[in-house]
Amino acid sequence: MTPFAAALEEAGGAGASAAATARLRDLLLAALRHGREELTRPRSGYGTPVEIAVAAGPAGLLAATPVAATLRADPEQAPERAWLLVAATVAALVDLAAPGPPMGPADLLLAAGELDETFLVLALPCAPLDPGTLDELVPLAFEDHAAGLDRLRARALAVPAAVLGDVAVREPIGAGHQLRIAEAVARLGGRPADERSVEEHEDAVLALLEPGADRRVAPHADPDPALRVARRILQRLNGMGKWGGYHTDFTHLARGFAGNDRALAQAVGEALLDAGLLAEKPSVGQRHVFLNPRRAADIHRLIEAGAVPSGLALPHSRA
């Protein structure tokens, strides 16, 4: 056992008395610092597992993670493995709280705050859960989503709410923030730490976050075929929060296109990569791509107004 896990068990788990709060908080912060360091290594948690802590407070569930609290405002603050840890935590909270499928953007409930001005805390409303239930279900819910993460060994422990204290939480910044995507995927029955599951729920998530949008029509119905395809590709990736933590197989760029547009979409994807609007993440046997955050302004101008940035040479385009 880690010092934190051993002390928590000795104190009585989620039902530990107030007398143990200060010591457990100090040990938790030490565990989170260790986890933050582990997440920078090629293999994380193989000596000592990366730990998160889940508590049930008056407003619902709170989960303290070793990931930077700035993730709430900037998804790029979390490298891929750190993001997948967060995604698994979101899924575990959804399993524990069982809020049901969301009906629209306003139904997404996940919020975020910070512990010790450093660590990301996730919050989800939940009916009261007794300490014994938390001790039993928190590790199982988290393991169900985190056990298969590549090069990562992690676990979740239930703690008394007093250990986390009063955490001010707010909504993630941005309608397409990855935290909102993760919550939506989990509440629709998917697994947000599994890229294939995220892809499978893509249409449902897009319909949820942008109700009423016609996915068969390009932004502003651009008459130029290549420009229309480019804008649709970027719009879809942006709508699914694919800015690094989430990425997609290059071949999926052609999803939603038919006939000759499928081949055009592949060529446009190569052009977007060559221009640096998309970045590539090598994966075993596959090419995975994501939106380049350094080109966010150009990407949004292209999506919204069809403004072709310097360096982008689209095939068969008047641009």
C-alpha atoms as a PDB file:
ATOM      1  CA  MET A   1       0.000   0.000   0.000  1.00  0.00           C
ATOM      2  CA  THR A   2       1.018   3.598  -0.525  1.00  0.00           C
ATOM      3  CA  PRO A   3       1.280   5.796   2.594  1.00  0.00           C
ATOM      4  CA  PHE A   4      -1.952   7.520   1.576  1.00  0.00           C
ATOM      5  CA  ALA A   5      -3.880   4.281   0.996  1.00  0.00           C
ATOM      6  CA  ALA A   6      -2.585   2.735   4.227  1.00  0.00           C
ATOM      7  CA  ALA A   7      -3.468   5.773   6.335  1.00  0.00           C
ATOM      8  CA  LEU A   8      -6.903   6.009   4.704  1.00  0.00           C
ATOM      9  CA  GLU A   9      -7.671   2.369   5.448  1.00  0.00           C
ATOM     10  CA  GLU A  10      -6.445   2.715   9.028  1.00  0.00           C
ATOM     11  CA  ALA A  11      -8.614   5.800   9.533  1.00  0.00           C
ATOM     12  CA  GLY A  12     -11.771   4.097   8.256  1.00  0.00           C
ATOM     13  CA  GLY A  13     -11.950   5.012   4.563  1.00  0.00           C
ATOM     14  CA  ALA A  14     -14.688   7.400   3.457  1.00  0.00           C
ATOM     15  CA  GLY A  15     -16.104   7.252   6.959  1.00  0.00           C
ATOM     16  CA  ALA A  16     -12.890   8.405   8.676  1.00  0.00           C
ATOM     17  CA  SER A  17     -13.326  10.760  11.608  1.00  0.00           C
ATOM     18  CA  ALA A  18     -12.592  14.476  11.469  1.00  0.00           C
ATOM     19  CA  ALA A  19      -9.494  13.886  13.602  1.00  0.00           C
ATOM     20  CA  ALA A  20      -7.826  12.198  10.623  1.00  0.00           C
ATOM     21  CA  THR A  21      -8.631  14.953   8.096  1.00  0.00           C
ATOM     22  CA  ALA A  22      -5.413  16.981   8.288  1.00  0.00           C
ATOM     23  CA  ARG A  23      -3.110  13.975   7.980  1.00  0.00           C
ATOM     24  CA  LEU A  24      -5.116  12.437   5.153  1.00  0.00           C
ATOM     25  CA  ARG A  25      -5.117  15.720   3.246  1.00  0.00           C
ATOM     26  CA  ASP A  26      -1.328  16.040   3.561  1.00  0.00           C
ATOM     27  CA  LEU A  27      -0.864  12.466   2.351  1.00  0.00           C
ATOM     28  CA  LEU A  28      -3.315  12.993  -0.502  1.00  0.00           C
ATOM     29  CA  LEU A  29      -1.435  16.070  -1.703  1.00  0.00           C
ATOM     30  CA  ALA A  30       1.800  14.082  -1.582  1.00  0.00           C
ATOM     31  CA  ALA A  31       0.130  11.296  -3.601  1.00  0.00           C
ATOM     32  CA  LEU A  32      -1.128  13.794  -6.179  1.00  0.00           C
ATOM     33  CA  ARG A  33       2.335  15.335  -6.521  1.00  0.00           C
ATOM     34  CA  HIS A  34       3.732  11.849  -7.052  1.00  0.00           C
ATOM     35  CA  GLY A  35       1.037  11.155  -9.643  1.00  0.00           C
ATOM     36  CA  ARG A  36       1.781  14.380 -11.486  1.00  0.00           C
ATOM     37  CA  GLU A  37       5.438  13.365 -11.763  1.00  0.00           C
ATOM     38  CA  GLU A  38       4.525   9.832 -12.820  1.00  0.00           C
ATOM     39  CA  LEU A  39       2.379  11.141 -15.676  1.00  0.00           C
ATOM     40  CA  THR A  40       5.478  12.696 -17.245  1.00  0.00           C
ATOM     41  CA  ARG A  41       7.231   9.312 -17.485  1.00  0.00           C
ATOM     42  CA  PRO A  42       7.062   6.862 -20.421  1.00  0.00           C
ATOM     43  CA  ARG A  43       5.225   4.414 -18.105  1.00  0.00           C
ATOM     44  CA  SER A  44       3.164   5.802 -15.266  1.00  0.00           C
ATOM     45  CA  GLY A  45       2.316   4.141 -11.966  1.00  0.00           C
ATOM     46  CA  TYR A  46       4.251   0.916 -12.419  1.00  0.00           C
ATOM     47  CA  GLY A  47       6.147   1.332  -9.157  1.00  0.00           C
ATOM     48  CA  THR A  48       3.468   3.118  -7.189  1.00  0.00           C
ATOM     49  CA  PRO A  49       0.061   3.587  -8.841  1.00  0.00           C
ATOM     50  CA  VAL A  50      -1.212   7.010  -9.764  1.00  0.00           C
ATOM     51  CA  GLU A  51      -4.001   7.789  -7.295  1.00  0.00           C
ATOM     52  CA  ILE A  52      -7.124   9.915  -7.388  1.00  0.00           C
ATOM     53  CA  ALA A  53      -9.494  10.622  -4.506  1.00  0.00           C
ATOM     54  CA  VAL A  54     -13.289  10.694  -4.692  1.00  0.00           C
ATOM     55  CA  ALA A  55     -15.546  12.193  -2.030  1.00  0.00           C
ATOM     56  CA  ALA A  56     -19.279  12.729  -1.650  1.00  0.00           C
ATOM     57  CA  GLY A  57     -20.155  16.209  -0.416  1.00  0.00           C
ATOM     58  CA  PRO A  58     -23.431  18.114  -0.014  1.00  0.00           C
ATOM     59  CA  ALA A  59     -23.406  19.161  -3.680  1.00  0.00           C
ATOM     60  CA  GLY A  60     -22.427  15.782  -5.094  1.00  0.00           C
ATOM     61  CA  LEU A  61     -19.255  13.920  -6.004  1.00  0.00           C
ATOM     62  CA  LEU A  62     -15.793  15.458  -6.096  1.00  0.00           C
ATOM     63  CA  ALA A  63     -12.721  13.797  -7.627  1.00  0.00           C
ATOM     64  CA  ALA A  64      -9.207  15.133  -7.038  1.00  0.00           C
ATOM     65  CA  THR A  65      -6.735  14.231  -9.777  1.00  0.00           C
ATOM     66  CA  PRO A  66      -2.982  14.807 -10.263  1.00  0.00           C
ATOM     67  CA  VAL A  67      -3.665  16.730 -13.483  1.00  0.00           C
ATOM     68  CA  ALA A  68      -3.172  20.503 -13.706  1.00  0.00           C
ATOM     69  CA  ALA A  69      -6.223  22.514 -12.669  1.00  0.00           C
ATOM     70  CA  THR A  70      -5.682  24.757 -15.699  1.00  0.00           C
ATOM     71  CA  LEU A  71      -7.215  21.981 -17.821  1.00  0.00           C
ATOM     72  CA  ARG A  72     -10.591  23.584 -17.099  1.00  0.00           C
ATOM     73  CA  ALA A  73      -9.611  26.556 -19.258  1.00  0.00           C
ATOM     74  CA  ASP A  74      -7.062  24.965 -21.587  1.00  0.00           C
ATOM     75  CA  PRO A  75      -7.390  21.303 -22.616  1.00  0.00           C
ATOM     76  CA  GLU A  76      -3.839  21.360 -23.960  1.00  0.00           C
ATOM     77  CA  GLN A  77      -2.554  21.523 -20.375  1.00  0.00           C
ATOM     78  CA  ALA A  78      -2.985  17.754 -20.168  1.00  0.00           C
ATOM     79  CA  PRO A  79      -0.770  15.395 -22.221  1.00  0.00           C
ATOM     80  CA  GLU A  80      -2.589  12.422 -23.691  1.00  0.00           C
ATOM     81  CA  ARG A  81      -2.109   9.965 -20.819  1.00  0.00           C
ATOM     82  CA  ALA A  82      -3.093  12.604 -18.268  1.00  0.00           C
ATOM     83  CA  TRP A  83      -6.189  13.383 -20.308  1.00  0.00           C
ATOM     84  CA  LEU A  84      -7.173   9.710 -20.507  1.00  0.00           C
ATOM     85  CA  LEU A  85      -6.864   9.512 -16.709  1.00  0.00           C
ATOM     86  CA  VAL A  86      -9.248  12.470 -16.465  1.00  0.00           C
ATOM     87  CA  ALA A  87     -11.622  10.899 -19.006  1.00  0.00           C
ATOM     88  CA  ALA A  88     -11.710   7.671 -16.981  1.00  0.00           C
ATOM     89  CA  THR A  89     -12.424   9.715 -13.855  1.00  0.00           C
ATOM     90  CA  VAL A  90     -15.314  11.499 -15.569  1.00  0.00           C
ATOM     91  CA  ALA A  91     -16.746   8.146 -16.642  1.00  0.00           C
ATOM     92  CA  ALA A  92     -16.438   6.772 -13.095  1.00  0.00           C
ATOM     93  CA  LEU A  93     -18.272   9.796 -11.681  1.00  0.00           C
ATOM     94  CA  VAL A  94     -21.050   9.334 -14.232  1.00  0.00           C
ATOM     95  CA  ASP A  95     -21.349   5.652 -13.299  1.00  0.00           C
ATOM     96  CA  LEU A  96     -21.585   6.544  -9.607  1.00  0.00           C
ATOM     97  CA  ALA A  97     -23.996   9.467  -9.997  1.00  0.00           C
ATOM     98  CA  ALA A  98     -26.129   7.871 -12.754  1.00  0.00           C
ATOM     99  CA  PRO A  99     -27.537  11.191 -14.047  1.00  0.00           C
ATOM    100  CA  GLY A 100     -29.018   9.628 -17.190  1.00  0.00           C
ATOM    101  CA  PRO A 101     -28.648  10.758 -20.816  1.00  0.00           C
ATOM    102  CA  PRO A 102     -28.503  14.539 -21.357  1.00  0.00           C
ATOM    103  CA  MET A 103     -31.195  16.136 -23.500  1.00  0.00           C
ATOM    104  CA  GLY A 104     -29.182  19.187 -24.522  1.00  0.00           C
ATOM    105  CA  PRO A 105     -26.114  21.287 -23.723  1.00  0.00           C
ATOM    106  CA  ALA A 106     -27.781  22.775 -20.640  1.00  0.00           C
ATOM    107  CA  ASP A 107     -28.131  19.270 -19.182  1.00  0.00           C
ATOM    108  CA  LEU A 108     -24.361  18.743 -18.980  1.00  0.00           C
ATOM    109  CA  LEU A 109     -23.511  19.025 -15.298  1.00  0.00           C
ATOM    110  CA  LEU A 110     -19.776  18.418 -14.934  1.00  0.00           C
ATOM    111  CA  ALA A 111     -17.821  21.255 -13.322  1.00  0.00           C
ATOM    112  CA  ALA A 112     -14.188  21.712 -12.349  1.00  0.00           C
ATOM    113  CA  GLY A 113     -12.156  23.434  -9.669  1.00  0.00           C
ATOM    114  CA  GLU A 114      -8.793  23.151  -8.002  1.00  0.00           C
ATOM    115  CA  LEU A 115      -7.234  21.641  -4.900  1.00  0.00           C
ATOM    116  CA  ASP A 116      -4.278  23.378  -3.288  1.00  0.00           C
ATOM    117  CA  GLU A 117      -4.328  25.858  -6.210  1.00  0.00           C
ATOM    118  CA  THR A 118      -2.744  23.146  -8.339  1.00  0.00           C
ATOM    119  CA  PHE A 119      -4.714  19.963  -8.940  1.00  0.00           C
ATOM    120  CA  LEU A 120      -7.821  19.496 -11.060  1.00  0.00           C
ATOM    121  CA  VAL A 121     -10.962  18.611  -9.139  1.00  0.00           C
ATOM    122  CA  LEU A 122     -13.998  17.337 -11.041  1.00  0.00           C
ATOM    123  CA  ALA A 123     -17.514  17.735  -9.660  1.00  0.00           C
ATOM    124  CA  LEU A 124     -20.789  16.074 -10.620  1.00  0.00           C
ATOM    125  CA  PRO A 125     -24.146  16.400  -8.793  1.00  0.00           C
ATOM    126  CA  CYS A 126     -25.208  13.177  -7.148  1.00  0.00           C
ATOM    127  CA  ALA A 127     -27.737  11.888  -4.641  1.00  0.00           C
ATOM    128  CA  PRO A 128     -26.171  11.192  -1.218  1.00  0.00           C
ATOM    129  CA  LEU A 129     -23.993   8.070  -0.996  1.00  0.00           C
ATOM    130  CA  ASP A 130     -23.026   6.567   2.337  1.00  0.00           C
ATOM    131  CA  PRO A 131     -19.338   5.961   3.157  1.00  0.00           C
ATOM    132  CA  GLY A 132     -19.589   2.202   2.886  1.00  0.00           C
ATOM    133  CA  THR A 133     -21.063   2.429  -0.606  1.00  0.00           C
ATOM    134  CA  LEU A 134     -18.321   4.848  -1.656  1.00  0.00           C
ATOM    135  CA  ASP A 135     -15.561   2.611  -0.305  1.00  0.00           C
ATOM    136  CA  GLU A 136     -16.958  -0.308  -2.296  1.00  0.00           C
ATOM    137  CA  LEU A 137     -17.971   1.331  -5.569  1.00  0.00           C
ATOM    138  CA  VAL A 138     -15.395   4.080  -6.187  1.00  0.00           C
ATOM    139  CA  PRO A 139     -12.442   1.717  -6.883  1.00  0.00           C
ATOM    140  CA  LEU A 140     -14.614  -0.549  -9.047  1.00  0.00           C
ATOM    141  CA  ALA A 141     -16.145   2.259 -11.116  1.00  0.00           C
ATOM    142  CA  PHE A 142     -12.753   3.798 -11.802  1.00  0.00           C
ATOM    143  CA  GLU A 143     -11.019   0.503 -12.558  1.00  0.00           C
ATOM    144  CA  ASP A 144     -13.706  -0.340 -15.104  1.00  0.00           C
ATOM    145  CA  HIS A 145     -12.633   2.650 -17.191  1.00  0.00           C
ATOM    146  CA  ALA A 146      -8.936   2.971 -16.342  1.00  0.00           C
ATOM    147  CA  ALA A 147      -7.721  -0.645 -16.262  1.00  0.00           C
ATOM    148  CA  GLY A 148      -7.009  -0.789 -19.983  1.00  0.00           C
ATOM    149  CA  LEU A 149      -5.234   2.542 -20.385  1.00  0.00           C
ATOM    150  CA  ASP A 150      -1.910   2.148 -22.147  1.00  0.00           C
ATOM    151  CA  ARG A 151       1.220   2.419 -19.957  1.00  0.00           C
ATOM    152  CA  LEU A 152      -0.775   3.625 -16.966  1.00  0.00           C
ATOM    153  CA  ARG A 153      -1.592   1.996 -13.659  1.00  0.00           C
ATOM    154  CA  ALA A 154      -3.955   4.031 -11.536  1.00  0.00           C
ATOM    155  CA  ARG A 155      -6.576   3.607  -8.854  1.00  0.00           C
ATOM    156  CA  ALA A 156      -9.277   5.625  -7.118  1.00  0.00           C
ATOM    157  CA  LEU A 157      -9.930   5.744  -3.382  1.00  0.00           C
ATOM    158  CA  ALA A 158     -12.941   7.079  -1.523  1.00  0.00           C
ATOM    159  CA  VAL A 159     -12.182   9.770   1.060  1.00  0.00           C
ATOM    160  CA  PRO A 160     -14.220  11.833   3.525  1.00  0.00           C
ATOM    161  CA  ALA A 161     -15.513  15.079   2.008  1.00  0.00           C
ATOM    162  CA  ALA A 162     -13.591  17.055   4.640  1.00  0.00           C
ATOM    163  CA  VAL A 163     -10.285  15.875   3.145  1.00  0.00           C
ATOM    164  CA  LEU A 164     -11.000  17.814  -0.053  1.00  0.00           C
ATOM    165  CA  GLY A 165     -12.688  20.666   1.800  1.00  0.00           C
ATOM    166  CA  ASP A 166     -14.689  23.408   0.108  1.00  0.00           C
ATOM    167  CA  VAL A 167     -13.762  23.450  -3.567  1.00  0.00           C
ATOM    168  CA  ALA A 168     -15.177  26.219  -5.753  1.00  0.00           C
ATOM    169  CA  VAL A 169     -16.177  24.704  -9.095  1.00  0.00           C
ATOM    170  CA  ARG A 170     -17.248  26.214 -12.401  1.00  0.00           C
ATOM    171  CA  GLU A 171     -18.189  24.988 -15.852  1.00  0.00           C
ATOM    172  CA  PRO A 172     -15.396  24.099 -18.287  1.00  0.00           C
ATOM    173  CA  ILE A 173     -14.610  27.015 -20.580  1.00  0.00           C
ATOM    174  CA  GLY A 174     -15.863  26.478 -24.118  1.00  0.00           C
ATOM    175  CA  ALA A 175     -18.894  24.679 -25.538  1.00  0.00           C
ATOM    176  CA  GLY A 176     -16.661  22.012 -27.088  1.00  0.00           C
ATOM    177  CA  HIS A 177     -14.358  21.502 -24.114  1.00  0.00           C
ATOM    178  CA  GLN A 178     -13.088  17.937 -23.830  1.00  0.00           C
ATOM    179  CA  LEU A 179     -14.572  17.625 -20.343  1.00  0.00           C
ATOM    180  CA  ARG A 180     -18.023  18.291 -21.792  1.00  0.00           C
ATOM    181  CA  ILE A 181     -17.361  15.784 -24.575  1.00  0.00           C
ATOM    182  CA  ALA A 182     -16.265  13.176 -22.017  1.00  0.00           C
ATOM    183  CA  GLU A 183     -19.363  13.708 -19.888  1.00  0.00           C
ATOM    184  CA  ALA A 184     -21.648  13.527 -22.920  1.00  0.00           C
ATOM    185  CA  VAL A 185     -20.040  10.307 -24.183  1.00  0.00           C
ATOM    186  CA  ALA A 186     -20.267   8.688 -20.737  1.00  0.00           C
ATOM    187  CA  ARG A 187     -23.890   9.693 -20.218  1.00  0.00           C
ATOM    188  CA  LEU A 188     -24.799   8.376 -23.666  1.00  0.00           C
ATOM    189  CA  GLY A 189     -23.440   4.987 -22.622  1.00  0.00           C
ATOM    190  CA  GLY A 190     -19.952   5.293 -24.072  1.00  0.00           C
ATOM    191  CA  ARG A 191     -16.453   5.122 -22.644  1.00  0.00           C
ATOM    192  CA  PRO A 192     -14.703   8.505 -22.915  1.00  0.00           C
ATOM    193  CA  ALA A 193     -11.237   7.038 -22.253  1.00  0.00           C
ATOM    194  CA  ASP A 194     -11.645   4.746 -25.273  1.00  0.00           C
ATOM    195  CA  GLU A 195     -11.079   6.545 -28.578  1.00  0.00           C
ATOM    196  CA  ARG A 196     -13.146   3.997 -30.501  1.00  0.00           C
ATOM    197  CA  SER A 197     -16.119   4.539 -28.220  1.00  0.00           C
ATOM    198  CA  VAL A 198     -15.799   8.307 -28.585  1.00  0.00           C
ATOM    199  CA  GLU A 199     -15.828   7.908 -32.370  1.00  0.00           C
ATOM    200  CA  GLU A 200     -18.902   5.665 -32.193  1.00  0.00           C
ATOM    201  CA  HIS A 201     -20.822   8.330 -30.261  1.00  0.00           C
ATOM    202  CA  GLU A 202     -19.614  11.248 -32.358  1.00  0.00           C
ATOM    203  CA  ASP A 203     -22.860  11.917 -34.217  1.00  0.00           C
ATOM    204  CA  ALA A 204     -24.929  11.759 -31.026  1.00  0.00           C
ATOM    205  CA  VAL A 205     -22.556  14.102 -29.185  1.00  0.00           C
ATOM    206  CA  LEU A 206     -22.536  16.618 -32.027  1.00  0.00           C
ATOM    207  CA  ALA A 207     -26.332  16.543 -32.197  1.00  0.00           C
ATOM    208  CA  LEU A 208     -26.447  17.078 -28.434  1.00  0.00           C
ATOM    209  CA  LEU A 209     -24.010  19.993 -28.330  1.00  0.00           C
ATOM    210  CA  GLU A 210     -25.309  21.708 -31.450  1.00  0.00           C
ATOM    211  CA  PRO A 211     -29.021  20.801 -31.634  1.00  0.00           C
ATOM    212  CA  GLY A 212     -30.721  21.603 -34.898  1.00  0.00           C
ATOM    213  CA  ALA A 213     -27.525  21.803 -36.933  1.00  0.00           C
ATOM    214  CA  ASP A 214     -27.661  20.060 -40.301  1.00  0.00           C
ATOM    215  CA  ARG A 215     -24.585  17.854 -40.489  1.00  0.00           C
ATOM    216  CA  ARG A 216     -25.039  17.265 -44.244  1.00  0.00           C
ATOM    217  CA  VAL A 217     -24.528  20.921 -45.114  1.00  0.00           C
ATOM    218  CA  ALA A 218     -21.165  22.690 -44.938  1.00  0.00           C
ATOM    219  CA  PRO A 219     -20.780  25.933 -42.940  1.00  0.00           C
ATOM    220  CA  HIS A 220     -22.510  28.633 -44.975  1.00  0.00           C
ATOM    221  CA  ALA A 221     -23.006  26.038 -47.772  1.00  0.00           C
ATOM    222  CA  ASP A 222     -19.710  26.997 -49.381  1.00  0.00           C
ATOM    223  CA  PRO A 223     -19.966  26.380 -53.156  1.00  0.00           C
ATOM    224  CA  ASP A 224     -16.266  25.510 -53.553  1.00  0.00           C
ATOM    225  CA  PRO A 225     -15.997  21.700 -53.155  1.00  0.00           C
ATOM    226  CA  ALA A 226     -12.566  21.531 -51.506  1.00  0.00           C
ATOM    227  CA  LEU A 227     -13.221  24.514 -49.258  1.00  0.00           C
ATOM    228  CA  ARG A 228     -16.597  23.079 -48.284  1.00  0.00           C
ATOM    229  CA  VAL A 229     -14.954  19.756 -47.369  1.00  0.00           C
ATOM    230  CA  ALA A 230     -12.155  21.464 -45.414  1.00  0.00           C
ATOM    231  CA  ARG A 231     -14.607  23.516 -43.385  1.00  0.00           C
ATOM    232  CA  ARG A 232     -16.774  20.495 -42.647  1.00  0.00           C
ATOM    233  CA  ILE A 233     -13.778  18.462 -41.494  1.00  0.00           C
ATOM    234  CA  LEU A 234     -12.532  21.219 -39.198  1.00  0.00           C
ATOM    235  CA  GLN A 235     -16.038  21.941 -37.919  1.00  0.00           C
ATOM    236  CA  ARG A 236     -16.547  18.317 -36.966  1.00  0.00           C
ATOM    237  CA  LEU A 237     -13.172  17.993 -35.244  1.00  0.00           C
ATOM    238  CA  ASN A 238     -13.753  21.238 -33.349  1.00  0.00           C
ATOM    239  CA  GLY A 239     -17.241  20.157 -32.328  1.00  0.00           C
ATOM    240  CA  MET A 240     -15.805  16.974 -30.833  1.00  0.00           C
ATOM    241  CA  GLY A 241     -13.008  18.796 -28.989  1.00  0.00           C
ATOM    242  CA  LYS A 242     -10.213  17.101 -30.968  1.00  0.00           C
ATOM    243  CA  TRP A 243      -7.462  19.487 -29.922  1.00  0.00           C
ATOM    244  CA  GLY A 244      -4.937  16.921 -28.690  1.00  0.00           C
ATOM    245  CA  GLY A 245      -6.394  14.999 -25.769  1.00  0.00           C
ATOM    246  CA  TYR A 246      -8.868  13.563 -28.224  1.00  0.00           C
ATOM    247  CA  HIS A 247      -7.643  12.757 -31.717  1.00  0.00           C
ATOM    248  CA  THR A 248      -8.957  10.708 -34.615  1.00  0.00           C
ATOM    249  CA  ASP A 249      -7.778   8.199 -37.178  1.00  0.00           C
ATOM    250  CA  PHE A 250      -6.851  10.054 -40.374  1.00  0.00           C
ATOM    251  CA  THR A 251      -9.145   7.780 -42.393  1.00  0.00           C
ATOM    252  CA  HIS A 252     -12.115   9.016 -40.328  1.00  0.00           C
ATOM    253  CA  LEU A 253     -11.788  12.477 -41.857  1.00  0.00           C
ATOM    254  CA  ALA A 254     -13.864  11.166 -44.754  1.00  0.00           C
ATOM    255  CA  ARG A 255     -16.778  10.192 -42.491  1.00  0.00           C
ATOM    256  CA  GLY A 256     -20.020  11.804 -43.571  1.00  0.00           C
ATOM    257  CA  PHE A 257     -18.885  12.319 -47.156  1.00  0.00           C
ATOM    258  CA  ALA A 258     -20.189  10.318 -50.097  1.00  0.00           C
ATOM    259  CA  GLY A 259     -19.005   9.506 -53.596  1.00  0.00           C
ATOM    260  CA  ASN A 260     -16.164  11.593 -54.959  1.00  0.00           C
ATOM    261  CA  ASP A 261     -16.163  13.738 -51.825  1.00  0.00           C
ATOM    262  CA  ARG A 262     -14.651  10.859 -49.856  1.00  0.00           C
ATOM    263  CA  ALA A 263     -11.484  10.871 -51.953  1.00  0.00           C
ATOM    264  CA  LEU A 264     -11.502  14.664 -51.887  1.00  0.00           C
ATOM    265  CA  ALA A 265     -11.727  14.575 -48.082  1.00  0.00           C
ATOM    266  CA  GLN A 266      -8.578  12.466 -47.902  1.00  0.00           C
ATOM    267  CA  ALA A 267      -6.725  14.898 -50.164  1.00  0.00           C
ATOM    268  CA  VAL A 268      -8.018  17.870 -48.180  1.00  0.00           C
ATOM    269  CA  GLY A 269      -6.874  16.160 -44.966  1.00  0.00           C
ATOM    270  CA  GLU A 270      -3.351  15.893 -46.368  1.00  0.00           C
ATOM    271  CA  ALA A 271      -3.468  19.581 -47.295  1.00  0.00           C
ATOM    272  CA  LEU A 272      -4.607  20.537 -43.796  1.00  0.00           C
ATOM    273  CA  LEU A 273      -1.695  18.530 -42.374  1.00  0.00           C
ATOM    274  CA  ASP A 274       0.795  20.103 -44.781  1.00  0.00           C
ATOM    275  CA  ALA A 275      -0.436  23.569 -43.779  1.00  0.00           C
ATOM    276  CA  GLY A 276      -0.128  22.792 -40.062  1.00  0.00           C
ATOM    277  CA  LEU A 277      -3.836  23.211 -39.293  1.00  0.00           C
ATOM    278  CA  LEU A 278      -3.871  19.555 -38.323  1.00  0.00           C
ATOM    279  CA  ALA A 279      -1.091  17.890 -36.360  1.00  0.00           C
ATOM    280  CA  GLU A 280      -0.262  14.209 -36.470  1.00  0.00           C
ATOM    281  CA  LYS A 281       0.156  11.844 -33.565  1.00  0.00           C
ATOM    282  CA  PRO A 282       1.792   8.574 -34.580  1.00  0.00           C
ATOM    283  CA  SER A 283      -0.077   5.525 -33.368  1.00  0.00           C
ATOM    284  CA  VAL A 284       0.545   1.814 -33.740  1.00  0.00           C
ATOM    285  CA  GLY A 285      -0.450   0.931 -37.284  1.00  0.00           C
ATOM    286  CA  GLN A 286      -2.504   4.116 -37.730  1.00  0.00           C
ATOM    287  CA  ARG A 287      -2.212   7.829 -38.427  1.00  0.00           C
ATOM    288  CA  HIS A 288      -4.000   9.900 -35.823  1.00  0.00           C
ATOM    289  CA  VAL A 289      -4.573  13.627 -36.240  1.00  0.00           C
ATOM    290  CA  PHE A 290      -5.896  16.507 -34.166  1.00  0.00           C
ATOM    291  CA  LEU A 291      -6.470  20.242 -34.481  1.00  0.00           C
ATOM    292  CA  ASN A 292      -3.294  22.247 -33.947  1.00  0.00           C
ATOM    293  CA  PRO A 293      -3.976  24.593 -31.003  1.00  0.00           C
ATOM    294  CA  ARG A 294      -1.272  26.972 -32.238  1.00  0.00           C
ATOM    295  CA  ARG A 295      -3.403  27.576 -35.327  1.00  0.00           C
ATOM    296  CA  ALA A 296      -6.700  27.971 -33.475  1.00  0.00           C
ATOM    297  CA  ALA A 297      -7.405  31.450 -34.858  1.00  0.00           C
ATOM    298  CA  ASP A 298      -6.843  30.327 -38.466  1.00  0.00           C
ATOM    299  CA  ILE A 299      -8.963  27.216 -37.902  1.00  0.00           C
ATOM    300  CA  HIS A 300     -11.908  29.177 -36.511  1.00  0.00           C
ATOM    301  CA  ARG A 301     -11.713  31.781 -39.299  1.00  0.00           C
ATOM    302  CA  LEU A 302     -11.727  29.006 -41.881  1.00  0.00           C
ATOM    303  CA  ILE A 303     -14.700  27.261 -40.257  1.00  0.00           C
ATOM    304  CA  GLU A 304     -16.759  30.379 -39.683  1.00  0.00           C
ATOM    305  CA  ALA A 305     -15.939  32.549 -42.702  1.00  0.00           C
ATOM    306  CA  GLY A 306     -14.136  30.355 -45.204  1.00  0.00           C
ATOM    307  CA  ALA A 307     -10.976  32.453 -44.875  1.00  0.00           C
ATOM    308  CA  VAL A 308      -8.131  30.351 -46.294  1.00  0.00           C
ATOM    309  CA  PRO A 309      -4.926  30.940 -44.310  1.00  0.00           C
ATOM    310  CA  SER A 310      -1.549  31.414 -45.919  1.00  0.00           C
ATOM    311  CA  GLY A 311       0.128  28.115 -46.701  1.00  0.00           C
ATOM    312  CA  LEU A 312      -3.063  26.096 -47.210  1.00  0.00           C
ATOM    313  CA  ALA A 313      -3.230  24.794 -50.780  1.00  0.00           C
ATOM    314  CA  LEU A 314      -6.521  22.963 -51.237  1.00  0.00           C
ATOM    315  CA  PRO A 315      -6.953  20.557 -54.165  1.00  0.00           C
ATOM    316  CA  HIS A 316      -9.269  21.679 -56.979  1.00  0.00           C
ATOM    317  CA  SER A 317     -10.127  24.866 -55.097  1.00  0.00           C
ATOM    318  CA  ARG A 318     -10.510  28.368 -56.411  1.00  0.00           C
ATOM    319  CA  ALA A 319      -8.650  29.449 -53.203  1.00  0.00           C
END
